[in-house]
């Protein structure tokens, strides 16, 4: 299976092509950025596909991170994945940013818990905890950093995500510290591609997984009355 993976959910604009028959990522590129994903993504995808020596019709599916993450970034990535899938006549699949963060730790050793944490600002994080075999122990949710550290504190998990250090800094007194703290601005795009090959197709196009409403809300007071 040949999978084109796309990630624009957080602090990078990235794409990769994974070939399961070869068991390897054949091309990838990741550019650190917090803004400008819309302008950077399609040229980046074109470069990755050129390095992979593939046409879009030679792909078997397109995978994309669906969040949680930046509202604008998520929409850019999901829209691109759906557009490429439609044009190439291939299915598109979505996978969460939290699972993408956790995959590099679960892949080599799934016996120890992994807590994936993404900075949601305002002293909150998006959190998911994975147990043995990668099964979900704590479902994805938006919680305060203090509550997140309390949830994870007794399990001696490995922490990963762009809020891993925030979570470690709030670790409960008296609890054994996490066995690893891996701070990354964005998931590893190679693992996004690998996950994309293993993800079950739902038959529905991927859509953003926000976990909360946008910070910016329309102001009713500024609206004109309808006649």
C-alpha atoms as a PDB file:
ATOM      1  CA  UNK A   1       0.000   0.000   0.000  1.00  0.00           C
ATOM      2  CA  UNK A   2       1.267   3.459  -0.917  1.00  0.00           C
ATOM      3  CA  UNK A   3       0.132   6.241   1.394  1.00  0.00           C
ATOM      4  CA  UNK A   4       0.579   9.984   1.098  1.00  0.00           C
ATOM      5  CA  UNK A   5       0.443  11.519   4.576  1.00  0.00           C
ATOM      6  CA  UNK A   6      -0.169  15.193   5.335  1.00  0.00           C
ATOM      7  CA  UNK A   7       0.194  17.088   8.614  1.00  0.00           C
ATOM      8  CA  UNK A   8      -0.513  20.781   9.150  1.00  0.00           C
ATOM      9  CA  UNK A   9      -2.171  20.507  12.568  1.00  0.00           C
ATOM     10  CA  UNK A  10       0.496  22.142  14.722  1.00  0.00           C
ATOM     11  CA  UNK A  11       4.038  23.480  14.352  1.00  0.00           C
ATOM     12  CA  UNK A  12       4.969  22.009  10.980  1.00  0.00           C
ATOM     13  CA  UNK A  13       3.878  21.649   7.392  1.00  0.00           C
ATOM     14  CA  UNK A  14       4.776  18.098   6.422  1.00  0.00           C
ATOM     15  CA  UNK A  15       4.145  15.297   3.952  1.00  0.00           C
ATOM     16  CA  UNK A  16       5.500  11.796   3.424  1.00  0.00           C
ATOM     17  CA  UNK A  17       4.950   8.769   1.200  1.00  0.00           C
ATOM     18  CA  UNK A  18       5.020   5.325   2.839  1.00  0.00           C
ATOM     19  CA  UNK A  19       5.210   2.115   0.820  1.00  0.00           C
ATOM     20  CA  UNK A  20       4.116  -0.879   2.903  1.00  0.00           C
ATOM     21  CA  UNK A  21       5.460  -3.344   0.336  1.00  0.00           C
ATOM     22  CA  UNK A  22       8.940  -1.893   0.899  1.00  0.00           C
ATOM     23  CA  UNK A  23       8.279  -1.325   4.597  1.00  0.00           C
ATOM     24  CA  UNK A  24       9.679   2.189   4.453  1.00  0.00           C
ATOM     25  CA  UNK A  25       8.998   5.870   3.890  1.00  0.00           C
ATOM     26  CA  UNK A  26      10.286   6.601   0.389  1.00  0.00           C
ATOM     27  CA  UNK A  27      10.092  10.411   0.561  1.00  0.00           C
ATOM     28  CA  UNK A  28       9.284  13.055   3.156  1.00  0.00           C
ATOM     29  CA  UNK A  29       9.665  16.707   4.018  1.00  0.00           C
ATOM     30  CA  UNK A  30       8.781  18.729   7.101  1.00  0.00           C
ATOM     31  CA  UNK A  31       9.015  22.506   7.462  1.00  0.00           C
ATOM     32  CA  UNK A  32       8.734  24.030  10.959  1.00  0.00           C
ATOM     33  CA  UNK A  33       6.038  26.729  10.925  1.00  0.00           C
ATOM     34  CA  UNK A  34       3.128  28.034  12.947  1.00  0.00           C
ATOM     35  CA  UNK A  35       1.524  30.024  10.114  1.00  0.00           C
ATOM     36  CA  UNK A  36       1.524  29.906   6.337  1.00  0.00           C
ATOM     37  CA  UNK A  37       0.536  26.257   5.933  1.00  0.00           C
ATOM     38  CA  UNK A  38      -1.927  27.077   3.152  1.00  0.00           C
ATOM     39  CA  UNK A  39       0.761  28.608   0.955  1.00  0.00           C
ATOM     40  CA  UNK A  40       3.437  26.014   1.737  1.00  0.00           C
ATOM     41  CA  UNK A  41       1.516  22.742   1.630  1.00  0.00           C
ATOM     42  CA  UNK A  42       0.821  21.991  -2.017  1.00  0.00           C
ATOM     43  CA  UNK A  43       4.332  22.901  -3.281  1.00  0.00           C
ATOM     44  CA  UNK A  44       5.718  20.709  -0.487  1.00  0.00           C
ATOM     45  CA  UNK A  45       3.432  17.802  -1.450  1.00  0.00           C
ATOM     46  CA  UNK A  46       4.512  18.172  -5.074  1.00  0.00           C
ATOM     47  CA  UNK A  47       8.186  17.950  -4.064  1.00  0.00           C
ATOM     48  CA  UNK A  48       7.566  14.846  -1.960  1.00  0.00           C
ATOM     49  CA  UNK A  49       5.659  13.118  -4.749  1.00  0.00           C
ATOM     50  CA  UNK A  50       8.436  13.989  -7.217  1.00  0.00           C
ATOM     51  CA  UNK A  51      11.068  12.489  -4.905  1.00  0.00           C
ATOM     52  CA  UNK A  52       8.918   9.361  -4.507  1.00  0.00           C
ATOM     53  CA  UNK A  53       8.716   9.096  -8.324  1.00  0.00           C
ATOM     54  CA  UNK A  54       4.971   8.630  -8.093  1.00  0.00           C
ATOM     55  CA  UNK A  55       1.875  10.064  -9.699  1.00  0.00           C
ATOM     56  CA  UNK A  56      -1.092  10.720  -7.420  1.00  0.00           C
ATOM     57  CA  UNK A  57      -3.062   7.968  -9.162  1.00  0.00           C
ATOM     58  CA  UNK A  58      -0.409   5.462  -8.036  1.00  0.00           C
ATOM     59  CA  UNK A  59      -1.313   6.090  -4.390  1.00  0.00           C
ATOM     60  CA  UNK A  60      -3.679   3.790  -2.515  1.00  0.00           C
ATOM     61  CA  UNK A  61      -4.868   6.332   0.030  1.00  0.00           C
ATOM     62  CA  UNK A  62      -4.236   9.767   1.498  1.00  0.00           C
ATOM     63  CA  UNK A  63      -3.896  10.169   5.269  1.00  0.00           C
ATOM     64  CA  UNK A  64      -4.157  13.396   7.239  1.00  0.00           C
ATOM     65  CA  UNK A  65      -3.963  14.468  10.866  1.00  0.00           C
ATOM     66  CA  UNK A  66      -7.370  15.741  11.955  1.00  0.00           C
ATOM     67  CA  UNK A  67      -6.524  17.310  15.297  1.00  0.00           C
ATOM     68  CA  UNK A  68      -6.726  18.556  17.896  1.00  0.00           C
ATOM     69  CA  UNK A  69      -4.528  21.424  16.835  1.00  0.00           C
ATOM     70  CA  UNK A  70      -4.608  24.794  15.126  1.00  0.00           C
ATOM     71  CA  UNK A  71      -8.070  25.524  13.736  1.00  0.00           C
ATOM     72  CA  UNK A  72      -6.676  27.056  10.551  1.00  0.00           C
ATOM     73  CA  UNK A  73      -3.970  24.429  10.120  1.00  0.00           C
ATOM     74  CA  UNK A  74      -6.422  21.576  10.503  1.00  0.00           C
ATOM     75  CA  UNK A  75      -8.740  22.976   7.852  1.00  0.00           C
ATOM     76  CA  UNK A  76      -5.817  23.411   5.427  1.00  0.00           C
ATOM     77  CA  UNK A  77      -4.613  19.830   5.810  1.00  0.00           C
ATOM     78  CA  UNK A  78      -8.030  18.186   5.749  1.00  0.00           C
ATOM     79  CA  UNK A  79      -9.154  20.195   2.716  1.00  0.00           C
ATOM     80  CA  UNK A  80      -5.956  19.309   0.837  1.00  0.00           C
ATOM     81  CA  UNK A  81      -6.260  15.608   1.649  1.00  0.00           C
ATOM     82  CA  UNK A  82      -9.885  15.495   0.580  1.00  0.00           C
ATOM     83  CA  UNK A  83      -9.123  17.409  -2.619  1.00  0.00           C
ATOM     84  CA  UNK A  84      -6.213  15.156  -3.595  1.00  0.00           C
ATOM     85  CA  UNK A  85      -8.267  12.045  -2.812  1.00  0.00           C
ATOM     86  CA  UNK A  86     -11.150  13.278  -4.943  1.00  0.00           C
ATOM     87  CA  UNK A  87      -8.920  14.194  -7.883  1.00  0.00           C
ATOM     88  CA  UNK A  88      -6.979  10.907  -7.744  1.00  0.00           C
ATOM     89  CA  UNK A  89     -10.035   8.757  -7.111  1.00  0.00           C
ATOM     90  CA  UNK A  90      -8.538   7.362  -3.891  1.00  0.00           C
ATOM     91  CA  UNK A  91      -9.872   7.160  -0.313  1.00  0.00           C
ATOM     92  CA  UNK A  92      -8.792   9.618   2.383  1.00  0.00           C
ATOM     93  CA  UNK A  93      -8.425   8.642   6.034  1.00  0.00           C
ATOM     94  CA  UNK A  94      -7.999  10.754   9.141  1.00  0.00           C
ATOM     95  CA  UNK A  95      -6.075  10.083  12.332  1.00  0.00           C
ATOM     96  CA  UNK A  96      -5.803  12.170  15.447  1.00  0.00           C
ATOM     97  CA  UNK A  97      -2.770  14.268  16.267  1.00  0.00           C
ATOM     98  CA  UNK A  98      -2.629  12.617  19.691  1.00  0.00           C
ATOM     99  CA  UNK A  99      -2.345   9.127  18.207  1.00  0.00           C
ATOM    100  CA  UNK A 100       0.285  10.385  15.753  1.00  0.00           C
ATOM    101  CA  UNK A 101       2.337  11.747  18.654  1.00  0.00           C
ATOM    102  CA  UNK A 102       2.064   8.489  20.592  1.00  0.00           C
ATOM    103  CA  UNK A 103       2.835   6.101  17.724  1.00  0.00           C
ATOM    104  CA  UNK A 104       6.674   6.377  17.770  1.00  0.00           C
ATOM    105  CA  UNK A 105       6.680   5.399  21.448  1.00  0.00           C
ATOM    106  CA  UNK A 106       4.026   2.683  21.234  1.00  0.00           C
ATOM    107  CA  UNK A 107       5.519   1.098  18.105  1.00  0.00           C
ATOM    108  CA  UNK A 108       8.800  -0.097  19.653  1.00  0.00           C
ATOM    109  CA  UNK A 109       7.348  -0.768  23.138  1.00  0.00           C
ATOM    110  CA  UNK A 110       3.620  -0.949  23.791  1.00  0.00           C
ATOM    111  CA  UNK A 111       3.966  -2.398  27.305  1.00  0.00           C
ATOM    112  CA  UNK A 112       4.307   0.982  29.050  1.00  0.00           C
ATOM    113  CA  UNK A 113       1.670   3.735  29.117  1.00  0.00           C
ATOM    114  CA  UNK A 114       2.022   6.792  26.894  1.00  0.00           C
ATOM    115  CA  UNK A 115       0.380  10.161  27.585  1.00  0.00           C
ATOM    116  CA  UNK A 116       0.112  12.438  24.564  1.00  0.00           C
ATOM    117  CA  UNK A 117      -0.450  16.097  25.429  1.00  0.00           C
ATOM    118  CA  UNK A 118      -1.008  19.117  23.182  1.00  0.00           C
ATOM    119  CA  UNK A 119      -0.945  22.688  24.448  1.00  0.00           C
ATOM    120  CA  UNK A 120      -4.492  24.070  24.331  1.00  0.00           C
ATOM    121  CA  UNK A 121      -3.414  27.366  25.977  1.00  0.00           C
ATOM    122  CA  UNK A 122      -5.030  28.990  29.009  1.00  0.00           C
ATOM    123  CA  UNK A 123      -3.432  26.339  31.292  1.00  0.00           C
ATOM    124  CA  UNK A 124      -5.194  23.485  29.499  1.00  0.00           C
ATOM    125  CA  UNK A 125      -4.048  20.580  27.342  1.00  0.00           C
ATOM    126  CA  UNK A 126      -5.597  18.111  24.965  1.00  0.00           C
ATOM    127  CA  UNK A 127      -4.801  14.741  26.518  1.00  0.00           C
ATOM    128  CA  UNK A 128      -5.043  11.076  25.611  1.00  0.00           C
ATOM    129  CA  UNK A 129      -3.478   8.197  27.527  1.00  0.00           C
ATOM    130  CA  UNK A 130      -2.594   4.923  25.823  1.00  0.00           C
ATOM    131  CA  UNK A 131      -2.027   1.640  27.639  1.00  0.00           C
ATOM    132  CA  UNK A 132      -0.593  -1.773  26.729  1.00  0.00           C
ATOM    133  CA  UNK A 133      -1.007  -2.630  23.082  1.00  0.00           C
ATOM    134  CA  UNK A 134      -1.893   0.977  22.281  1.00  0.00           C
ATOM    135  CA  UNK A 135      -5.419   0.705  23.677  1.00  0.00           C
ATOM    136  CA  UNK A 136      -6.972   3.910  25.009  1.00  0.00           C
ATOM    137  CA  UNK A 137      -6.933   4.273  28.797  1.00  0.00           C
ATOM    138  CA  UNK A 138      -8.099   7.900  28.848  1.00  0.00           C
ATOM    139  CA  UNK A 139     -10.118   9.116  25.865  1.00  0.00           C
ATOM    140  CA  UNK A 140      -9.118  12.356  24.123  1.00  0.00           C
ATOM    141  CA  UNK A 141     -10.274  15.378  26.062  1.00  0.00           C
ATOM    142  CA  UNK A 142      -9.607  18.979  27.016  1.00  0.00           C
ATOM    143  CA  UNK A 143      -8.457  19.224  30.653  1.00  0.00           C
ATOM    144  CA  UNK A 144      -6.483  21.577  32.859  1.00  0.00           C
ATOM    145  CA  UNK A 145      -2.761  20.909  33.160  1.00  0.00           C
ATOM    146  CA  UNK A 146      -3.222  20.202  36.869  1.00  0.00           C
ATOM    147  CA  UNK A 147      -5.943  17.640  36.190  1.00  0.00           C
ATOM    148  CA  UNK A 148      -3.915  16.093  33.378  1.00  0.00           C
ATOM    149  CA  UNK A 149      -0.911  15.619  35.650  1.00  0.00           C
ATOM    150  CA  UNK A 150      -3.176  14.083  38.288  1.00  0.00           C
ATOM    151  CA  UNK A 151      -4.656  11.677  35.728  1.00  0.00           C
ATOM    152  CA  UNK A 152      -1.203  10.557  34.583  1.00  0.00           C
ATOM    153  CA  UNK A 153       0.684  10.864  37.863  1.00  0.00           C
ATOM    154  CA  UNK A 154       0.289   7.353  39.232  1.00  0.00           C
ATOM    155  CA  UNK A 155       1.076   5.471  36.031  1.00  0.00           C
ATOM    156  CA  UNK A 156       4.701   6.500  35.370  1.00  0.00           C
ATOM    157  CA  UNK A 157       3.890   7.119  31.703  1.00  0.00           C
ATOM    158  CA  UNK A 158       6.079   8.318  28.901  1.00  0.00           C
ATOM    159  CA  UNK A 159       5.028  11.868  27.975  1.00  0.00           C
ATOM    160  CA  UNK A 160       5.010  13.126  24.399  1.00  0.00           C
ATOM    161  CA  UNK A 161       3.628  16.132  22.545  1.00  0.00           C
ATOM    162  CA  UNK A 162       4.169  19.871  22.390  1.00  0.00           C
ATOM    163  CA  UNK A 163       2.912  20.097  25.993  1.00  0.00           C
ATOM    164  CA  UNK A 164       5.007  17.226  27.373  1.00  0.00           C
ATOM    165  CA  UNK A 165       7.235  19.581  29.377  1.00  0.00           C
ATOM    166  CA  UNK A 166       4.245  21.531  30.705  1.00  0.00           C
ATOM    167  CA  UNK A 167       2.769  18.279  31.977  1.00  0.00           C
ATOM    168  CA  UNK A 168       6.066  17.149  33.498  1.00  0.00           C
ATOM    169  CA  UNK A 169       6.495  20.516  35.264  1.00  0.00           C
ATOM    170  CA  UNK A 170       3.101  20.092  36.955  1.00  0.00           C
ATOM    171  CA  UNK A 171       3.808  16.521  38.087  1.00  0.00           C
ATOM    172  CA  UNK A 172       2.209  15.709  41.476  1.00  0.00           C
ATOM    173  CA  UNK A 173       4.546  15.710  44.456  1.00  0.00           C
ATOM    174  CA  UNK A 174       5.285  12.258  45.805  1.00  0.00           C
ATOM    175  CA  UNK A 175       4.602  10.477  42.520  1.00  0.00           C
ATOM    176  CA  UNK A 176       7.336   8.818  40.548  1.00  0.00           C
ATOM    177  CA  UNK A 177       8.350  11.007  37.610  1.00  0.00           C
ATOM    178  CA  UNK A 178       7.520  10.077  34.032  1.00  0.00           C
ATOM    179  CA  UNK A 179       9.938   7.617  32.469  1.00  0.00           C
ATOM    180  CA  UNK A 180      10.412   9.841  29.400  1.00  0.00           C
ATOM    181  CA  UNK A 181       9.508  13.393  28.345  1.00  0.00           C
ATOM    182  CA  UNK A 182       9.585  13.937  24.589  1.00  0.00           C
ATOM    183  CA  UNK A 183       8.764  17.498  23.536  1.00  0.00           C
ATOM    184  CA  UNK A 184       8.020  17.883  19.820  1.00  0.00           C
ATOM    185  CA  UNK A 185       6.401  20.796  17.974  1.00  0.00           C
ATOM    186  CA  UNK A 186       4.565  18.400  15.648  1.00  0.00           C
ATOM    187  CA  UNK A 187       4.135  14.652  15.146  1.00  0.00           C
ATOM    188  CA  UNK A 188       6.731  12.678  13.177  1.00  0.00           C
ATOM    189  CA  UNK A 189       5.355  12.690   9.605  1.00  0.00           C
ATOM    190  CA  UNK A 190       6.917   9.282   8.911  1.00  0.00           C
ATOM    191  CA  UNK A 191       4.754   7.781  11.650  1.00  0.00           C
ATOM    192  CA  UNK A 192       1.697   9.630  10.374  1.00  0.00           C
ATOM    193  CA  UNK A 193       2.257   7.851   7.056  1.00  0.00           C
ATOM    194  CA  UNK A 194       2.745   4.469   8.742  1.00  0.00           C
ATOM    195  CA  UNK A 195      -0.407   4.942  10.802  1.00  0.00           C
ATOM    196  CA  UNK A 196      -2.243   5.937   7.650  1.00  0.00           C
ATOM    197  CA  UNK A 197      -1.530   2.552   6.106  1.00  0.00           C
ATOM    198  CA  UNK A 198      -2.922   0.740   9.166  1.00  0.00           C
ATOM    199  CA  UNK A 199      -5.982   2.935   9.775  1.00  0.00           C
ATOM    200  CA  UNK A 200      -9.344   1.416   8.908  1.00  0.00           C
ATOM    201  CA  UNK A 201     -11.281   3.245   6.217  1.00  0.00           C
ATOM    202  CA  UNK A 202     -14.619   4.576   7.433  1.00  0.00           C
ATOM    203  CA  UNK A 203     -16.104   5.404   4.046  1.00  0.00           C
ATOM    204  CA  UNK A 204     -16.529   9.017   5.156  1.00  0.00           C
ATOM    205  CA  UNK A 205     -14.082  11.817   4.309  1.00  0.00           C
ATOM    206  CA  UNK A 206     -11.906  13.008   7.212  1.00  0.00           C
ATOM    207  CA  UNK A 207     -12.998  16.096   9.106  1.00  0.00           C
ATOM    208  CA  UNK A 208     -11.360  18.270  11.776  1.00  0.00           C
ATOM    209  CA  UNK A 209     -11.343  16.909  15.321  1.00  0.00           C
ATOM    210  CA  UNK A 210     -11.375  20.119  17.359  1.00  0.00           C
ATOM    211  CA  UNK A 211     -12.345  19.049  20.916  1.00  0.00           C
ATOM    212  CA  UNK A 212     -13.416  22.629  21.671  1.00  0.00           C
ATOM    213  CA  UNK A 213     -14.990  25.652  20.012  1.00  0.00           C
ATOM    214  CA  UNK A 214     -12.808  28.386  18.488  1.00  0.00           C
ATOM    215  CA  UNK A 215     -11.577  31.178  20.782  1.00  0.00           C
ATOM    216  CA  UNK A 216     -12.890  33.793  18.342  1.00  0.00           C
ATOM    217  CA  UNK A 217     -16.675  34.076  18.437  1.00  0.00           C
ATOM    218  CA  UNK A 218     -19.000  36.371  16.508  1.00  0.00           C
ATOM    219  CA  UNK A 219     -20.091  39.467  18.446  1.00  0.00           C
ATOM    220  CA  UNK A 220     -23.862  39.715  18.532  1.00  0.00           C
ATOM    221  CA  UNK A 221     -23.672  43.386  19.464  1.00  0.00           C
ATOM    222  CA  UNK A 222     -21.880  44.181  16.242  1.00  0.00           C
ATOM    223  CA  UNK A 223     -24.451  42.546  13.977  1.00  0.00           C
ATOM    224  CA  UNK A 224     -26.967  44.616  12.048  1.00  0.00           C
ATOM    225  CA  UNK A 225     -30.609  43.895  12.678  1.00  0.00           C
ATOM    226  CA  UNK A 226     -32.383  42.164   9.834  1.00  0.00           C
ATOM    227  CA  UNK A 227     -35.352  43.872   8.240  1.00  0.00           C
END
